[in-house]
Amino acid sequence: MSDLELLNRITLDPGIMVGKPVIRGTRLTVERILNLLAHGVSEAEILGEYEGLTSEDVRACLLFASRSLESTSFVPLAKESA
């Protein structure tokens, strides 16, 4: 599946979840999926919990997050001490 096909699975609508990016046709936010993955929930567990969700939807969330960070610059707020 191409990047464009994956990204088309993510939508933003001010009337759904206050405009947060969601998986198309759901109220399931990209943020929620990423948070689950970050806390060790497996893709299989996520797919089992949310009927109709696909592996491609999970990959779309990861790609959306990656693309969202591409042009972001990070500046350290304080110097780390050795």
PDB file of N, CA and C in Angstrom:
ATOM      1  N   MET A   1       0.848  -1.170   0.000  1.00  0.00           N
ATOM      2  CA  MET A   1       0.000   0.000   0.000  1.00  0.00           C
ATOM      3  C   MET A   1       0.898   1.239   0.000  1.00  0.00           C
ATOM      4  N   SER A   2       0.584   2.209  -0.851  1.00  0.00           N
ATOM      5  CA  SER A   2       1.407   3.413  -0.966  1.00  0.00           C
ATOM      6  C   SER A   2       1.183   4.351   0.222  1.00  0.00           C
ATOM      7  N   ASP A   3       2.119   5.273   0.394  1.00  0.00           N
ATOM      8  CA  ASP A   3       1.984   6.271   1.462  1.00  0.00           C
ATOM      9  C   ASP A   3       0.687   7.052   1.318  1.00  0.00           C
ATOM     10  N   LEU A   4       0.362   7.450   0.096  1.00  0.00           N
ATOM     11  CA  LEU A   4      -0.850   8.229  -0.135  1.00  0.00           C
ATOM     12  C   LEU A   4      -2.095   7.429   0.247  1.00  0.00           C
ATOM     13  N   GLU A   5      -2.116   6.157  -0.104  1.00  0.00           N
ATOM     14  CA  GLU A   5      -3.256   5.308   0.267  1.00  0.00           C
ATOM     15  C   GLU A   5      -3.382   5.190   1.787  1.00  0.00           C
ATOM     16  N   LEU A   6      -2.253   5.047   2.460  1.00  0.00           N
ATOM     17  CA  LEU A   6      -2.288   4.982   3.924  1.00  0.00           C
ATOM     18  C   LEU A   6      -2.770   6.300   4.523  1.00  0.00           C
ATOM     19  N   LEU A   7      -2.207   7.405   4.049  1.00  0.00           N
ATOM     20  CA  LEU A   7      -2.574   8.704   4.608  1.00  0.00           C
ATOM     21  C   LEU A   7      -4.035   9.061   4.336  1.00  0.00           C
ATOM     22  N   ASN A   8      -4.607   8.530   3.269  1.00  0.00           N
ATOM     23  CA  ASN A   8      -6.027   8.772   2.989  1.00  0.00           C
ATOM     24  C   ASN A   8      -6.931   8.092   4.003  1.00  0.00           C
ATOM     25  N   ARG A   9      -6.384   7.215   4.815  1.00  0.00           N
ATOM     26  CA  ARG A   9      -7.156   6.560   5.877  1.00  0.00           C
ATOM     27  C   ARG A   9      -7.333   7.483   7.083  1.00  0.00           C
ATOM     28  N   ILE A  10      -6.570   8.567   7.123  1.00  0.00           N
ATOM     29  CA  ILE A  10      -6.631   9.519   8.237  1.00  0.00           C
ATOM     30  C   ILE A  10      -7.373  10.761   7.767  1.00  0.00           C
ATOM     31  N   THR A  11      -8.285  11.243   8.596  1.00  0.00           N
ATOM     32  CA  THR A  11      -9.066  12.423   8.233  1.00  0.00           C
ATOM     33  C   THR A  11      -9.122  13.394   9.406  1.00  0.00           C
ATOM     34  N   LEU A  12      -9.320  14.661   9.066  1.00  0.00           N
ATOM     35  CA  LEU A  12      -9.483  15.709  10.072  1.00  0.00           C
ATOM     36  C   LEU A  12     -10.784  16.434   9.770  1.00  0.00           C
ATOM     37  N   ASP A  13     -11.650  16.532  10.763  1.00  0.00           N
ATOM     38  CA  ASP A  13     -12.948  17.182  10.599  1.00  0.00           C
ATOM     39  C   ASP A  13     -13.255  17.893  11.909  1.00  0.00           C
ATOM     40  N   PRO A  14     -13.453  19.211  11.870  1.00  0.00           N
ATOM     41  CA  PRO A  14     -13.729  19.947  13.104  1.00  0.00           C
ATOM     42  C   PRO A  14     -14.931  19.402  13.875  1.00  0.00           C
ATOM     43  N   GLY A  15     -15.834  18.716  13.195  1.00  0.00           N
ATOM     44  CA  GLY A  15     -17.020  18.171  13.845  1.00  0.00           C
ATOM     45  C   GLY A  15     -16.817  16.796  14.459  1.00  0.00           C
ATOM     46  N   ILE A  16     -15.646  16.222  14.262  1.00  0.00           N
ATOM     47  CA  ILE A  16     -15.356  14.897  14.826  1.00  0.00           C
ATOM     48  C   ILE A  16     -14.136  14.995  15.729  1.00  0.00           C
ATOM     49  N   MET A  17     -14.306  14.649  16.981  1.00  0.00           N
ATOM     50  CA  MET A  17     -13.224  14.645  17.975  1.00  0.00           C
ATOM     51  C   MET A  17     -12.468  15.980  17.997  1.00  0.00           C
ATOM     52  N   VAL A  18     -13.214  17.058  17.892  1.00  0.00           N
ATOM     53  CA  VAL A  18     -12.675  18.417  17.959  1.00  0.00           C
ATOM     54  C   VAL A  18     -11.589  18.655  16.903  1.00  0.00           C
ATOM     55  N   GLY A  19     -11.686  17.971  15.778  1.00  0.00           N
ATOM     56  CA  GLY A  19     -10.749  18.193  14.687  1.00  0.00           C
ATOM     57  C   GLY A  19      -9.444  17.429  14.782  1.00  0.00           C
ATOM     58  N   LYS A  20      -9.313  16.565  15.784  1.00  0.00           N
ATOM     59  CA  LYS A  20      -8.094  15.751  15.880  1.00  0.00           C
ATOM     60  C   LYS A  20      -8.072  14.756  14.723  1.00  0.00           C
ATOM     61  N   PRO A  21      -6.890  14.347  14.271  1.00  0.00           N
ATOM     62  CA  PRO A  21      -6.836  13.344  13.210  1.00  0.00           C
ATOM     63  C   PRO A  21      -7.387  12.006  13.709  1.00  0.00           C
ATOM     64  N   VAL A  22      -8.285  11.442  12.916  1.00  0.00           N
ATOM     65  CA  VAL A  22      -8.915  10.167  13.258  1.00  0.00           C
ATOM     66  C   VAL A  22      -8.804   9.208  12.084  1.00  0.00           C
ATOM     67  N   ILE A  23      -8.991   7.939  12.371  1.00  0.00           N
ATOM     68  CA  ILE A  23      -9.057   6.939  11.321  1.00  0.00           C
ATOM     69  C   ILE A  23     -10.407   7.105  10.627  1.00  0.00           C
ATOM     70  N   ARG A  24     -10.351   7.251   9.308  1.00  0.00           N
ATOM     71  CA  ARG A  24     -11.551   7.518   8.510  1.00  0.00           C
ATOM     72  C   ARG A  24     -12.685   6.561   8.873  1.00  0.00           C
ATOM     73  N   GLY A  25     -13.874   7.152   9.069  1.00  0.00           N
ATOM     74  CA  GLY A  25     -15.057   6.360   9.375  1.00  0.00           C
ATOM     75  C   GLY A  25     -15.192   5.979  10.841  1.00  0.00           C
ATOM     76  N   THR A  26     -14.275   6.485  11.678  1.00  0.00           N
ATOM     77  CA  THR A  26     -14.316   6.169  13.109  1.00  0.00           C
ATOM     78  C   THR A  26     -14.172   7.457  13.917  1.00  0.00           C
ATOM     79  N   ARG A  27     -14.266   7.323  15.207  1.00  0.00           N
ATOM     80  CA  ARG A  27     -13.940   8.405  16.134  1.00  0.00           C
ATOM     81  C   ARG A  27     -12.664   8.045  16.898  1.00  0.00           C
ATOM     82  N   LEU A  28     -11.895   7.162  16.330  1.00  0.00           N
ATOM     83  CA  LEU A  28     -10.663   6.671  16.941  1.00  0.00           C
ATOM     84  C   LEU A  28      -9.502   7.552  16.487  1.00  0.00           C
ATOM     85  N   THR A  29      -8.897   8.274  17.436  1.00  0.00           N
ATOM     86  CA  THR A  29      -7.846   9.227  17.090  1.00  0.00           C
ATOM     87  C   THR A  29      -6.501   8.547  16.848  1.00  0.00           C
ATOM     88  N   VAL A  30      -5.722   9.190  16.010  1.00  0.00           N
ATOM     89  CA  VAL A  30      -4.344   8.752  15.784  1.00  0.00           C
ATOM     90  C   VAL A  30      -3.610   8.761  17.123  1.00  0.00           C
ATOM     91  N   GLU A  31      -3.837   9.778  17.902  1.00  0.00           N
ATOM     92  CA  GLU A  31      -3.200   9.901  19.218  1.00  0.00           C
ATOM     93  C   GLU A  31      -3.489   8.679  20.089  1.00  0.00           C
ATOM     94  N   ARG A  32      -4.716   8.199  20.085  1.00  0.00           N
ATOM     95  CA  ARG A  32      -5.090   7.037  20.906  1.00  0.00           C
ATOM     96  C   ARG A  32      -4.319   5.787  20.474  1.00  0.00           C
ATOM     97  N   ILE A  33      -4.244   5.564  19.165  1.00  0.00           N
ATOM     98  CA  ILE A  33      -3.527   4.391  18.663  1.00  0.00           C
ATOM     99  C   ILE A  33      -2.050   4.484  19.019  1.00  0.00           C
ATOM    100  N   LEU A  34      -1.437   5.651  18.820  1.00  0.00           N
ATOM    101  CA  LEU A  34      -0.023   5.828  19.143  1.00  0.00           C
ATOM    102  C   LEU A  34       0.230   5.639  20.633  1.00  0.00           C
ATOM    103  N   ASN A  35      -0.669   6.135  21.459  1.00  0.00           N
ATOM    104  CA  ASN A  35      -0.526   5.990  22.909  1.00  0.00           C
ATOM    105  C   ASN A  35      -0.589   4.517  23.304  1.00  0.00           C
ATOM    106  N   LEU A  36      -1.513   3.776  22.713  1.00  0.00           N
ATOM    107  CA  LEU A  36      -1.598   2.346  23.001  1.00  0.00           C
ATOM    108  C   LEU A  36      -0.299   1.637  22.619  1.00  0.00           C
ATOM    109  N   LEU A  37       0.204   1.917  21.418  1.00  0.00           N
ATOM    110  CA  LEU A  37       1.450   1.297  20.972  1.00  0.00           C
ATOM    111  C   LEU A  37       2.616   1.674  21.885  1.00  0.00           C
ATOM    112  N   ALA A  38       2.663   2.936  22.294  1.00  0.00           N
ATOM    113  CA  ALA A  38       3.745   3.415  23.164  1.00  0.00           C
ATOM    114  C   ALA A  38       3.728   2.721  24.520  1.00  0.00           C
ATOM    115  N   HIS A  39       2.564   2.288  24.940  1.00  0.00           N
ATOM    116  CA  HIS A  39       2.444   1.630  26.238  1.00  0.00           C
ATOM    117  C   HIS A  39       2.470   0.106  26.129  1.00  0.00           C
ATOM    118  N   GLY A  40       2.936  -0.384  24.992  1.00  0.00           N
ATOM    119  CA  GLY A  40       3.185  -1.810  24.865  1.00  0.00           C
ATOM    120  C   GLY A  40       2.022  -2.662  24.404  1.00  0.00           C
ATOM    121  N   VAL A  41       0.916  -2.024  24.035  1.00  0.00           N
ATOM    122  CA  VAL A  41      -0.209  -2.800  23.520  1.00  0.00           C
ATOM    123  C   VAL A  41       0.157  -3.232  22.098  1.00  0.00           C
ATOM    124  N   SER A  42      -0.002  -4.500  21.804  1.00  0.00           N
ATOM    125  CA  SER A  42       0.379  -4.995  20.479  1.00  0.00           C
ATOM    126  C   SER A  42      -0.667  -4.619  19.436  1.00  0.00           C
ATOM    127  N   GLU A  43      -0.230  -4.640  18.187  1.00  0.00           N
ATOM    128  CA  GLU A  43      -1.169  -4.365  17.098  1.00  0.00           C
ATOM    129  C   GLU A  43      -2.320  -5.366  17.133  1.00  0.00           C
ATOM    130  N   ALA A  44      -2.004  -6.629  17.397  1.00  0.00           N
ATOM    131  CA  ALA A  44      -3.042  -7.663  17.458  1.00  0.00           C
ATOM    132  C   ALA A  44      -4.074  -7.352  18.545  1.00  0.00           C
ATOM    133  N   GLU A  45      -3.604  -6.872  19.698  1.00  0.00           N
ATOM    134  CA  GLU A  45      -4.528  -6.512  20.782  1.00  0.00           C
ATOM    135  C   GLU A  45      -5.408  -5.330  20.377  1.00  0.00           C
ATOM    136  N   ILE A  46      -4.814  -4.351  19.707  1.00  0.00           N
ATOM    137  CA  ILE A  46      -5.576  -3.180  19.254  1.00  0.00           C
ATOM    138  C   ILE A  46      -6.638  -3.614  18.255  1.00  0.00           C
ATOM    139  N   LEU A  47      -6.252  -4.444  17.293  1.00  0.00           N
ATOM    140  CA  LEU A  47      -7.197  -4.908  16.285  1.00  0.00           C
ATOM    141  C   LEU A  47      -8.317  -5.734  16.908  1.00  0.00           C
ATOM    142  N   GLY A  48      -7.992  -6.484  17.951  1.00  0.00           N
ATOM    143  CA  GLY A  48      -8.998  -7.271  18.649  1.00  0.00           C
ATOM    144  C   GLY A  48      -9.977  -6.418  19.438  1.00  0.00           C
ATOM    145  N   GLU A  49      -9.511  -5.279  19.897  1.00  0.00           N
ATOM    146  CA  GLU A  49     -10.333  -4.386  20.720  1.00  0.00           C
ATOM    147  C   GLU A  49     -11.278  -3.520  19.883  1.00  0.00           C
ATOM    148  N   TYR A  50     -10.848  -3.142  18.706  1.00  0.00           N
ATOM    149  CA  TYR A  50     -11.616  -2.208  17.877  1.00  0.00           C
ATOM    150  C   TYR A  50     -12.071  -2.902  16.593  1.00  0.00           C
ATOM    151  N   GLU A  51     -13.308  -3.343  16.603  1.00  0.00           N
ATOM    152  CA  GLU A  51     -13.891  -4.063  15.460  1.00  0.00           C
ATOM    153  C   GLU A  51     -13.834  -3.196  14.201  1.00  0.00           C
ATOM    154  N   GLY A  52     -13.401  -3.781  13.116  1.00  0.00           N
ATOM    155  CA  GLY A  52     -13.339  -3.082  11.840  1.00  0.00           C
ATOM    156  C   GLY A  52     -12.013  -2.400  11.570  1.00  0.00           C
ATOM    157  N   LEU A  53     -11.190  -2.252  12.598  1.00  0.00           N
ATOM    158  CA  LEU A  53      -9.879  -1.640  12.430  1.00  0.00           C
ATOM    159  C   LEU A  53      -8.952  -2.637  11.730  1.00  0.00           C
ATOM    160  N   THR A  54      -8.086  -2.129  10.870  1.00  0.00           N
ATOM    161  CA  THR A  54      -7.176  -3.003  10.131  1.00  0.00           C
ATOM    162  C   THR A  54      -5.720  -2.665  10.434  1.00  0.00           C
ATOM    163  N   SER A  55      -4.861  -3.569  10.058  1.00  0.00           N
ATOM    164  CA  SER A  55      -3.427  -3.351  10.191  1.00  0.00           C
ATOM    165  C   SER A  55      -3.004  -2.097   9.420  1.00  0.00           C
ATOM    166  N   GLU A  56      -3.610  -1.882   8.273  1.00  0.00           N
ATOM    167  CA  GLU A  56      -3.296  -0.695   7.475  1.00  0.00           C
ATOM    168  C   GLU A  56      -3.675   0.581   8.214  1.00  0.00           C
ATOM    169  N   ASP A  57      -4.758   0.553   9.000  1.00  0.00           N
ATOM    170  CA  ASP A  57      -5.153   1.717   9.793  1.00  0.00           C
ATOM    171  C   ASP A  57      -4.082   2.057  10.824  1.00  0.00           C
ATOM    172  N   VAL A  58      -3.547   1.031  11.469  1.00  0.00           N
ATOM    173  CA  VAL A  58      -2.494   1.241  12.471  1.00  0.00           C
ATOM    174  C   VAL A  58      -1.245   1.802  11.784  1.00  0.00           C
ATOM    175  N   ARG A  59      -0.876   1.234  10.649  1.00  0.00           N
ATOM    176  CA  ARG A  59       0.283   1.737   9.901  1.00  0.00           C
ATOM    177  C   ARG A  59       0.047   3.169   9.440  1.00  0.00           C
ATOM    178  N   ALA A  60      -1.186   3.495   9.085  1.00  0.00           N
ATOM    179  CA  ALA A  60      -1.519   4.858   8.666  1.00  0.00           C
ATOM    180  C   ALA A  60      -1.285   5.845   9.810  1.00  0.00           C
ATOM    181  N   CYS A  61      -1.606   5.432  11.029  1.00  0.00           N
ATOM    182  CA  CYS A  61      -1.371   6.296  12.197  1.00  0.00           C
ATOM    183  C   CYS A  61       0.122   6.561  12.380  1.00  0.00           C
ATOM    184  N   LEU A  62       0.923   5.520  12.236  1.00  0.00           N
ATOM    185  CA  LEU A  62       2.375   5.676  12.377  1.00  0.00           C
ATOM    186  C   LEU A  62       2.937   6.580  11.286  1.00  0.00           C
ATOM    187  N   LEU A  63       2.479   6.399  10.061  1.00  0.00           N
ATOM    188  CA  LEU A  63       2.962   7.222   8.958  1.00  0.00           C
ATOM    189  C   LEU A  63       2.522   8.667   9.133  1.00  0.00           C
ATOM    190  N   PHE A  64       1.287   8.878   9.559  1.00  0.00           N
ATOM    191  CA  PHE A  64       0.789  10.233   9.799  1.00  0.00           C
ATOM    192  C   PHE A  64       1.648  10.943  10.843  1.00  0.00           C
ATOM    193  N   ALA A  65       1.961  10.251  11.924  1.00  0.00           N
ATOM    194  CA  ALA A  65       2.792  10.836  12.975  1.00  0.00           C
ATOM    195  C   ALA A  65       4.188  11.153  12.449  1.00  0.00           C
ATOM    196  N   SER A  66       4.749  10.236  11.694  1.00  0.00           N
ATOM    197  CA  SER A  66       6.076  10.436  11.121  1.00  0.00           C
ATOM    198  C   SER A  66       6.092  11.658  10.209  1.00  0.00           C
ATOM    199  N   ARG A  67       5.115  11.748   9.336  1.00  0.00           N
ATOM    200  CA  ARG A  67       5.041  12.883   8.412  1.00  0.00           C
ATOM    201  C   ARG A  67       4.806  14.200   9.151  1.00  0.00           C
ATOM    202  N   SER A  68       4.054  14.143  10.232  1.00  0.00           N
ATOM    203  CA  SER A  68       3.768  15.344  11.015  1.00  0.00           C
ATOM    204  C   SER A  68       5.027  15.912  11.665  1.00  0.00           C
ATOM    205  N   LEU A  69       6.002  15.051  11.925  1.00  0.00           N
ATOM    206  CA  LEU A  69       7.239  15.479  12.580  1.00  0.00           C
ATOM    207  C   LEU A  69       8.346  15.857  11.596  1.00  0.00           C
ATOM    208  N   GLU A  70       8.149  15.580  10.319  1.00  0.00           N
ATOM    209  CA  GLU A  70       9.202  15.804   9.329  1.00  0.00           C
ATOM    210  C   GLU A  70       9.760  17.229   9.317  1.00  0.00           C
ATOM    211  N   SER A  71       8.891  18.200   9.394  1.00  0.00           N
ATOM    212  CA  SER A  71       9.371  19.583   9.289  1.00  0.00           C
ATOM    213  C   SER A  71       9.435  20.288  10.642  1.00  0.00           C
ATOM    214  N   THR A  72       9.398  19.517  11.702  1.00  0.00           N
ATOM    215  CA  THR A  72       9.472  20.081  13.046  1.00  0.00           C
ATOM    216  C   THR A  72      10.916  20.164  13.500  1.00  0.00           C
ATOM    217  N   SER A  73      11.273  21.306  14.049  1.00  0.00           N
ATOM    218  CA  SER A  73      12.611  21.478  14.607  1.00  0.00           C
ATOM    219  C   SER A  73      12.523  21.398  16.128  1.00  0.00           C
ATOM    220  N   PHE A  74      13.494  20.744  16.709  1.00  0.00           N
ATOM    221  CA  PHE A  74      13.524  20.623  18.158  1.00  0.00           C
ATOM    222  C   PHE A  74      14.748  21.357  18.679  1.00  0.00           C
ATOM    223  N   VAL A  75      14.524  22.168  19.697  1.00  0.00           N
ATOM    224  CA  VAL A  75      15.600  22.929  20.316  1.00  0.00           C
ATOM    225  C   VAL A  75      15.623  22.568  21.802  1.00  0.00           C
ATOM    226  N   PRO A  76      16.752  22.101  22.292  1.00  0.00           N
ATOM    227  CA  PRO A  76      16.805  21.765  23.721  1.00  0.00           C
ATOM    228  C   PRO A  76      16.559  23.008  24.563  1.00  0.00           C
ATOM    229  N   LEU A  77      15.776  22.845  25.622  1.00  0.00           N
ATOM    230  CA  LEU A  77      15.463  23.966  26.501  1.00  0.00           C
ATOM    231  C   LEU A  77      16.582  24.238  27.490  1.00  0.00           C
ATOM    232  N   ALA A  78      17.292  23.208  27.859  1.00  0.00           N
ATOM    233  CA  ALA A  78      18.380  23.361  28.819  1.00  0.00           C
ATOM    234  C   ALA A  78      19.490  22.387  28.434  1.00  0.00           C
ATOM    235  N   LYS A  79      20.697  22.777  28.743  1.00  0.00           N
ATOM    236  CA  LYS A  79      21.824  21.911  28.479  1.00  0.00           C
ATOM    237  C   LYS A  79      21.865  20.791  29.502  1.00  0.00           C
ATOM    238  N   GLU A  80      22.029  19.566  29.027  1.00  0.00           N
ATOM    239  CA  GLU A  80      22.123  18.439  29.945  1.00  0.00           C
ATOM    240  C   GLU A  80      23.469  18.447  30.645  1.00  0.00           C
ATOM    241  N   SER A  81      23.454  18.170  31.936  1.00  0.00           N
ATOM    242  CA  SER A  81      24.725  18.103  32.662  1.00  0.00           C
ATOM    243  C   SER A  81      25.310  16.714  32.542  1.00  0.00           C
ATOM    244  N   ALA A  82      26.618  16.646  32.530  1.00  0.00           N
ATOM    245  CA  ALA A  82      27.311  15.373  32.346  1.00  0.00           C
ATOM    246  C   ALA A  82      27.382  14.580  33.609  1.00  0.00           C
TER     247      ALA A  82
END
